[in-house]
Amino acid sequence: MRVCLASTSPARLMLLRQAGIEPLTVSPDVDEDAVAAAEAERGAPLPPAELVLLLARAKAAAVAHGLADEGTFDGLVIGGDSMFALGGRVYGKPYTAEEATRRWQEMRGATGILHSGHSVFRVAPGSEPTEATAVAEAAVTFAHDVSDAEIAAYVASEEPLHVAGAFTVDSLGGAFITRVDGDPSTVVGMSLSTVRRLAAELGVRWTDLWS
């Protein structure tokens, strides 16, 4: 049973490897901003949980149907997306040092929710891909005494610039986080317990995915 990760995220790849799975990785040909904008044009902006699921499904579907068309892949395709919500605002990746700094000044001493969308497709030769989806959430509390100097040093490392919410829990940012309520792997980038449940819904045992 093969596994394809519809992502080039180092954090998601690391999680699967730590869980005993060595996946194929494929970058999905999906313009996330365009998908989100198209949905927004239909009405009110989607809440974070619905938006991360929409993007996770778009990415997983693009890869799953591509592999199905090739006709040789037999296994699971996993797609994910994450966003962080704090005080009524939704944070994706900050990309700039200025934005990352501003976010950390708002986050210290506060608790926000990391929303992680998951889409898993079962792909097999001669069959139409089938899908199972879910959203996992984890509450993240940041230390109240993080100094401006520590924020500046963390931002200068460039680690927070390209991750949802501008923080990590499994690397340099972990020391500034005091509590995580929920599956910790959700905050890293993908809830392993959720992916296991979705695989089971598709008739696949988690242990059959071990390399």
C-alpha atoms as a PDB file:
ATOM      1  CA  MET A   1       0.000   0.000   0.000  1.00  0.00           C
ATOM      2  CA  ARG A   2       1.656   3.199  -1.201  1.00  0.00           C
ATOM      3  CA  VAL A   3       1.254   6.705   0.206  1.00  0.00           C
ATOM      4  CA  CYS A   4       1.526   9.956  -1.691  1.00  0.00           C
ATOM      5  CA  LEU A   5       1.758  13.246   0.160  1.00  0.00           C
ATOM      6  CA  ALA A   6       0.137  15.978  -1.939  1.00  0.00           C
ATOM      7  CA  SER A   7       2.486  18.562  -0.503  1.00  0.00           C
ATOM      8  CA  THR A   8       6.125  19.587  -0.404  1.00  0.00           C
ATOM      9  CA  SER A   9       5.860  20.657   3.255  1.00  0.00           C
ATOM     10  CA  PRO A  10       8.971  19.474   5.140  1.00  0.00           C
ATOM     11  CA  ALA A  11       6.944  19.334   8.377  1.00  0.00           C
ATOM     12  CA  ARG A  12       4.260  17.034   6.947  1.00  0.00           C
ATOM     13  CA  LEU A  13       6.906  14.828   5.350  1.00  0.00           C
ATOM     14  CA  MET A  14       8.754  14.607   8.674  1.00  0.00           C
ATOM     15  CA  LEU A  15       5.560  13.641  10.507  1.00  0.00           C
ATOM     16  CA  LEU A  16       4.853  10.751   8.150  1.00  0.00           C
ATOM     17  CA  ARG A  17       8.436   9.544   8.307  1.00  0.00           C
ATOM     18  CA  GLN A  18       8.395   9.628  12.103  1.00  0.00           C
ATOM     19  CA  ALA A  19       5.187   7.581  11.956  1.00  0.00           C
ATOM     20  CA  GLY A  20       6.928   4.891   9.898  1.00  0.00           C
ATOM     21  CA  ILE A  21       5.677   5.963   6.462  1.00  0.00           C
ATOM     22  CA  GLU A  22       7.945   6.888   3.557  1.00  0.00           C
ATOM     23  CA  PRO A  23       5.675   8.678   1.077  1.00  0.00           C
ATOM     24  CA  LEU A  24       6.013   9.770  -2.481  1.00  0.00           C
ATOM     25  CA  THR A  25       5.726  13.573  -2.532  1.00  0.00           C
ATOM     26  CA  VAL A  26       3.981  15.466  -5.325  1.00  0.00           C
ATOM     27  CA  SER A  27       3.495  19.218  -5.430  1.00  0.00           C
ATOM     28  CA  PRO A  28      -0.165  19.887  -6.268  1.00  0.00           C
ATOM     29  CA  ASP A  29      -0.764  22.230  -9.179  1.00  0.00           C
ATOM     30  CA  VAL A  30      -3.223  24.371  -7.223  1.00  0.00           C
ATOM     31  CA  ASP A  31      -3.318  28.153  -6.862  1.00  0.00           C
ATOM     32  CA  GLU A  32      -4.502  28.359  -3.258  1.00  0.00           C
ATOM     33  CA  ASP A  33      -5.142  32.097  -3.385  1.00  0.00           C
ATOM     34  CA  ALA A  34      -7.249  31.695  -6.518  1.00  0.00           C
ATOM     35  CA  VAL A  35      -9.287  28.869  -4.974  1.00  0.00           C
ATOM     36  CA  ALA A  36      -9.952  30.927  -1.853  1.00  0.00           C
ATOM     37  CA  ALA A  37     -10.792  34.045  -3.886  1.00  0.00           C
ATOM     38  CA  ALA A  38     -13.207  32.162  -6.117  1.00  0.00           C
ATOM     39  CA  GLU A  39     -15.031  30.827  -3.080  1.00  0.00           C
ATOM     40  CA  ALA A  40     -15.147  34.273  -1.476  1.00  0.00           C
ATOM     41  CA  GLU A  41     -16.818  35.687  -4.592  1.00  0.00           C
ATOM     42  CA  ARG A  42     -19.753  33.368  -4.006  1.00  0.00           C
ATOM     43  CA  GLY A  43     -20.679  35.039  -0.725  1.00  0.00           C
ATOM     44  CA  ALA A  44     -19.360  35.679   2.755  1.00  0.00           C
ATOM     45  CA  PRO A  45     -15.805  34.541   3.518  1.00  0.00           C
ATOM     46  CA  LEU A  46     -15.562  30.953   4.706  1.00  0.00           C
ATOM     47  CA  PRO A  47     -14.760  30.307   8.367  1.00  0.00           C
ATOM     48  CA  PRO A  48     -11.247  28.904   8.929  1.00  0.00           C
ATOM     49  CA  ALA A  49     -12.338  25.272   9.326  1.00  0.00           C
ATOM     50  CA  GLU A  50     -14.205  25.307   6.015  1.00  0.00           C
ATOM     51  CA  LEU A  51     -11.433  27.157   4.196  1.00  0.00           C
ATOM     52  CA  VAL A  52      -8.644  24.766   5.229  1.00  0.00           C
ATOM     53  CA  LEU A  53     -10.808  21.825   4.208  1.00  0.00           C
ATOM     54  CA  LEU A  54     -11.557  23.421   0.832  1.00  0.00           C
ATOM     55  CA  LEU A  55      -7.845  23.909   0.150  1.00  0.00           C
ATOM     56  CA  ALA A  56      -6.855  20.466   1.439  1.00  0.00           C
ATOM     57  CA  ARG A  57      -9.436  18.869  -0.846  1.00  0.00           C
ATOM     58  CA  ALA A  58      -8.304  20.893  -3.853  1.00  0.00           C
ATOM     59  CA  LYS A  59      -4.683  19.848  -3.385  1.00  0.00           C
ATOM     60  CA  ALA A  60      -5.377  16.182  -2.686  1.00  0.00           C
ATOM     61  CA  ALA A  61      -7.855  15.917  -5.565  1.00  0.00           C
ATOM     62  CA  ALA A  62      -5.418  17.399  -8.070  1.00  0.00           C
ATOM     63  CA  VAL A  63      -2.780  14.826  -7.202  1.00  0.00           C
ATOM     64  CA  ALA A  64      -5.166  11.893  -6.742  1.00  0.00           C
ATOM     65  CA  HIS A  65      -6.840  12.304 -10.119  1.00  0.00           C
ATOM     66  CA  GLY A  66      -3.468  12.759 -11.786  1.00  0.00           C
ATOM     67  CA  LEU A  67      -2.231   9.478 -10.313  1.00  0.00           C
ATOM     68  CA  ALA A  68      -5.506   7.767 -11.187  1.00  0.00           C
ATOM     69  CA  ASP A  69      -5.089   8.829 -14.813  1.00  0.00           C
ATOM     70  CA  GLU A  70      -1.642   7.229 -14.875  1.00  0.00           C
ATOM     71  CA  GLY A  71      -3.275   3.956 -13.833  1.00  0.00           C
ATOM     72  CA  THR A  72      -0.455   2.395 -11.805  1.00  0.00           C
ATOM     73  CA  PHE A  73      -0.730   3.924  -8.321  1.00  0.00           C
ATOM     74  CA  ASP A  74      -2.387   1.826  -5.609  1.00  0.00           C
ATOM     75  CA  GLY A  75      -2.636   3.543  -2.246  1.00  0.00           C
ATOM     76  CA  LEU A  76      -3.571   6.728  -0.435  1.00  0.00           C
ATOM     77  CA  VAL A  77      -3.107  10.361  -1.382  1.00  0.00           C
ATOM     78  CA  ILE A  78      -2.994  12.766   1.567  1.00  0.00           C
ATOM     79  CA  GLY A  79      -3.583  16.514   1.297  1.00  0.00           C
ATOM     80  CA  GLY A  80      -3.646  19.109   4.041  1.00  0.00           C
ATOM     81  CA  ASP A  81      -3.881  22.802   4.783  1.00  0.00           C
ATOM     82  CA  SER A  82      -3.566  24.824   7.986  1.00  0.00           C
ATOM     83  CA  MET A  83      -4.573  28.247   9.276  1.00  0.00           C
ATOM     84  CA  PHE A  84      -4.317  29.916  12.660  1.00  0.00           C
ATOM     85  CA  ALA A  85      -7.142  31.987  14.144  1.00  0.00           C
ATOM     86  CA  LEU A  86      -6.641  34.470  16.970  1.00  0.00           C
ATOM     87  CA  GLY A  87      -8.995  37.156  18.195  1.00  0.00           C
ATOM     88  CA  GLY A  88     -11.325  36.866  15.239  1.00  0.00           C
ATOM     89  CA  ARG A  89      -8.517  37.102  12.692  1.00  0.00           C
ATOM     90  CA  VAL A  90      -7.203  34.309  10.486  1.00  0.00           C
ATOM     91  CA  TYR A  91      -3.488  33.979   9.873  1.00  0.00           C
ATOM     92  CA  GLY A  92      -1.862  32.048   7.062  1.00  0.00           C
ATOM     93  CA  LYS A  93       1.843  32.363   6.325  1.00  0.00           C
ATOM     94  CA  PRO A  94       3.267  35.835   7.074  1.00  0.00           C
ATOM     95  CA  TYR A  95       5.989  35.771   4.378  1.00  0.00           C
ATOM     96  CA  THR A  96       7.584  39.049   5.592  1.00  0.00           C
ATOM     97  CA  ALA A  97       9.564  39.819   8.725  1.00  0.00           C
ATOM     98  CA  GLU A  98       7.382  42.827   9.471  1.00  0.00           C
ATOM     99  CA  GLU A  99       4.183  40.783   9.412  1.00  0.00           C
ATOM    100  CA  ALA A 100       5.711  37.955  11.471  1.00  0.00           C
ATOM    101  CA  THR A 101       6.867  40.458  14.097  1.00  0.00           C
ATOM    102  CA  ARG A 102       3.453  42.076  14.302  1.00  0.00           C
ATOM    103  CA  ARG A 103       1.766  38.722  14.729  1.00  0.00           C
ATOM    104  CA  TRP A 104       4.089  37.633  17.515  1.00  0.00           C
ATOM    105  CA  GLN A 105       3.480  40.849  19.382  1.00  0.00           C
ATOM    106  CA  GLU A 106      -0.246  40.047  19.239  1.00  0.00           C
ATOM    107  CA  MET A 107       0.155  36.359  20.069  1.00  0.00           C
ATOM    108  CA  ARG A 108       2.285  36.523  23.209  1.00  0.00           C
ATOM    109  CA  GLY A 109       0.216  35.661  26.248  1.00  0.00           C
ATOM    110  CA  ALA A 110      -2.754  34.732  24.048  1.00  0.00           C
ATOM    111  CA  THR A 111      -4.409  31.492  22.945  1.00  0.00           C
ATOM    112  CA  GLY A 112      -5.433  30.799  19.364  1.00  0.00           C
ATOM    113  CA  ILE A 113      -6.796  27.871  17.373  1.00  0.00           C
ATOM    114  CA  LEU A 114      -4.841  26.030  14.703  1.00  0.00           C
ATOM    115  CA  HIS A 115      -7.239  24.612  12.106  1.00  0.00           C
ATOM    116  CA  SER A 116      -5.913  21.768   9.955  1.00  0.00           C
ATOM    117  CA  GLY A 117      -7.887  20.408   7.013  1.00  0.00           C
ATOM    118  CA  HIS A 118      -7.306  16.832   5.821  1.00  0.00           C
ATOM    119  CA  SER A 119      -8.316  15.123   2.596  1.00  0.00           C
ATOM    120  CA  VAL A 120      -7.412  11.485   1.949  1.00  0.00           C
ATOM    121  CA  PHE A 121      -8.109   9.741  -1.356  1.00  0.00           C
ATOM    122  CA  ARG A 122      -8.020   6.006  -1.999  1.00  0.00           C
ATOM    123  CA  VAL A 123      -6.598   5.508  -5.478  1.00  0.00           C
ATOM    124  CA  ALA A 124      -6.496   2.123  -7.198  1.00  0.00           C
ATOM    125  CA  PRO A 125      -6.038   1.068 -10.853  1.00  0.00           C
ATOM    126  CA  GLY A 126      -9.338   0.700 -12.658  1.00  0.00           C
ATOM    127  CA  SER A 127     -11.382   2.472  -9.977  1.00  0.00           C
ATOM    128  CA  GLU A 128     -12.580   6.006  -9.380  1.00  0.00           C
ATOM    129  CA  PRO A 129     -10.786   7.666  -6.435  1.00  0.00           C
ATOM    130  CA  THR A 130     -12.810   7.833  -3.215  1.00  0.00           C
ATOM    131  CA  GLU A 131     -12.327  10.502  -0.556  1.00  0.00           C
ATOM    132  CA  ALA A 132     -12.618  10.977   3.204  1.00  0.00           C
ATOM    133  CA  THR A 133     -12.181  14.368   4.880  1.00  0.00           C
ATOM    134  CA  ALA A 134     -11.964  15.936   8.312  1.00  0.00           C
ATOM    135  CA  VAL A 135     -10.783  19.043  10.127  1.00  0.00           C
ATOM    136  CA  ALA A 136      -8.687  18.839  13.283  1.00  0.00           C
ATOM    137  CA  GLU A 137      -8.215  21.711  15.702  1.00  0.00           C
ATOM    138  CA  ALA A 138      -5.742  22.433  18.477  1.00  0.00           C
ATOM    139  CA  ALA A 139      -5.575  25.370  20.904  1.00  0.00           C
ATOM    140  CA  VAL A 140      -2.116  26.931  21.220  1.00  0.00           C
ATOM    141  CA  THR A 141      -1.120  29.177  24.129  1.00  0.00           C
ATOM    142  CA  PHE A 142       1.937  31.425  23.875  1.00  0.00           C
ATOM    143  CA  ALA A 143       4.182  32.540  26.729  1.00  0.00           C
ATOM    144  CA  HIS A 144       3.276  35.964  28.081  1.00  0.00           C
ATOM    145  CA  ASP A 145       6.871  36.949  28.745  1.00  0.00           C
ATOM    146  CA  VAL A 146       8.317  36.586  25.241  1.00  0.00           C
ATOM    147  CA  SER A 147      10.466  39.699  24.848  1.00  0.00           C
ATOM    148  CA  ASP A 148      10.752  41.953  21.819  1.00  0.00           C
ATOM    149  CA  ALA A 149      14.379  40.838  21.550  1.00  0.00           C
ATOM    150  CA  GLU A 150      13.346  37.169  21.453  1.00  0.00           C
ATOM    151  CA  ILE A 151      10.716  37.932  18.822  1.00  0.00           C
ATOM    152  CA  ALA A 152      13.296  39.783  16.729  1.00  0.00           C
ATOM    153  CA  ALA A 153      15.754  36.889  16.983  1.00  0.00           C
ATOM    154  CA  TYR A 154      13.087  34.338  16.101  1.00  0.00           C
ATOM    155  CA  VAL A 155      11.911  36.346  13.104  1.00  0.00           C
ATOM    156  CA  ALA A 156      15.533  36.800  11.987  1.00  0.00           C
ATOM    157  CA  SER A 157      15.878  33.001  11.865  1.00  0.00           C
ATOM    158  CA  GLU A 158      13.241  33.131   9.058  1.00  0.00           C
ATOM    159  CA  GLU A 159      11.569  30.028  10.460  1.00  0.00           C
ATOM    160  CA  PRO A 160       8.206  31.735  11.106  1.00  0.00           C
ATOM    161  CA  LEU A 161       7.948  33.383   7.683  1.00  0.00           C
ATOM    162  CA  HIS A 162       6.663  30.365   5.783  1.00  0.00           C
ATOM    163  CA  VAL A 163       4.484  28.521   8.305  1.00  0.00           C
ATOM    164  CA  ALA A 164       0.824  29.027   9.173  1.00  0.00           C
ATOM    165  CA  GLY A 165       0.444  31.392  12.104  1.00  0.00           C
ATOM    166  CA  ALA A 166       4.147  32.330  12.059  1.00  0.00           C
ATOM    167  CA  PHE A 167       5.160  29.678  14.572  1.00  0.00           C
ATOM    168  CA  THR A 168       6.297  26.087  14.941  1.00  0.00           C
ATOM    169  CA  VAL A 169       5.907  23.818  17.942  1.00  0.00           C
ATOM    170  CA  ASP A 170       8.560  21.281  16.936  1.00  0.00           C
ATOM    171  CA  SER A 171      11.511  23.573  16.253  1.00  0.00           C
ATOM    172  CA  LEU A 172      12.773  27.012  17.313  1.00  0.00           C
ATOM    173  CA  GLY A 173       9.308  28.333  18.152  1.00  0.00           C
ATOM    174  CA  GLY A 174       8.503  25.530  20.585  1.00  0.00           C
ATOM    175  CA  ALA A 175      10.142  27.267  23.558  1.00  0.00           C
ATOM    176  CA  PHE A 176       7.680  30.159  23.276  1.00  0.00           C
ATOM    177  CA  ILE A 177       4.592  27.911  23.484  1.00  0.00           C
ATOM    178  CA  THR A 178       3.330  26.943  26.940  1.00  0.00           C
ATOM    179  CA  ARG A 179       0.364  24.722  26.121  1.00  0.00           C
ATOM    180  CA  VAL A 180      -1.240  22.757  23.285  1.00  0.00           C
ATOM    181  CA  ASP A 181      -4.739  21.351  23.710  1.00  0.00           C
ATOM    182  CA  GLY A 182      -5.466  18.752  21.040  1.00  0.00           C
ATOM    183  CA  ASP A 183      -3.433  16.370  18.915  1.00  0.00           C
ATOM    184  CA  PRO A 184       0.086  17.928  18.972  1.00  0.00           C
ATOM    185  CA  SER A 185       0.806  16.780  15.420  1.00  0.00           C
ATOM    186  CA  THR A 186      -2.036  19.038  14.260  1.00  0.00           C
ATOM    187  CA  VAL A 187       0.124  22.025  15.144  1.00  0.00           C
ATOM    188  CA  VAL A 188       3.093  20.572  13.289  1.00  0.00           C
ATOM    189  CA  GLY A 189       1.036  20.414  10.096  1.00  0.00           C
ATOM    190  CA  MET A 190      -1.148  17.317  10.030  1.00  0.00           C
ATOM    191  CA  SER A 191      -3.075  15.345  12.640  1.00  0.00           C
ATOM    192  CA  LEU A 192      -1.792  11.781  12.408  1.00  0.00           C
ATOM    193  CA  SER A 193      -4.708  10.446  14.452  1.00  0.00           C
ATOM    194  CA  THR A 194      -7.107  12.116  12.018  1.00  0.00           C
ATOM    195  CA  VAL A 195      -5.325  10.691   8.963  1.00  0.00           C
ATOM    196  CA  ARG A 196      -5.413   7.237  10.563  1.00  0.00           C
ATOM    197  CA  ARG A 197      -9.184   7.546  11.068  1.00  0.00           C
ATOM    198  CA  LEU A 198      -9.727   8.699   7.489  1.00  0.00           C
ATOM    199  CA  ALA A 199      -7.636   5.820   6.161  1.00  0.00           C
ATOM    200  CA  ALA A 200      -9.820   3.416   8.135  1.00  0.00           C
ATOM    201  CA  GLU A 201     -12.938   4.989   6.612  1.00  0.00           C
ATOM    202  CA  LEU A 202     -11.456   4.144   3.211  1.00  0.00           C
ATOM    203  CA  GLY A 203     -10.800   0.541   4.243  1.00  0.00           C
ATOM    204  CA  VAL A 204      -7.064   0.883   4.863  1.00  0.00           C
ATOM    205  CA  ARG A 205      -5.314  -0.136   8.089  1.00  0.00           C
ATOM    206  CA  TRP A 206      -2.753   2.354   9.344  1.00  0.00           C
ATOM    207  CA  THR A 207      -0.183  -0.351  10.009  1.00  0.00           C
ATOM    208  CA  ASP A 208      -0.351  -1.429   6.356  1.00  0.00           C
ATOM    209  CA  LEU A 209       1.103   1.973   5.469  1.00  0.00           C
ATOM    210  CA  TRP A 210       4.300   1.438   7.451  1.00  0.00           C
ATOM    211  CA  SER A 211       7.360   1.253   5.221  1.00  0.00           C
END
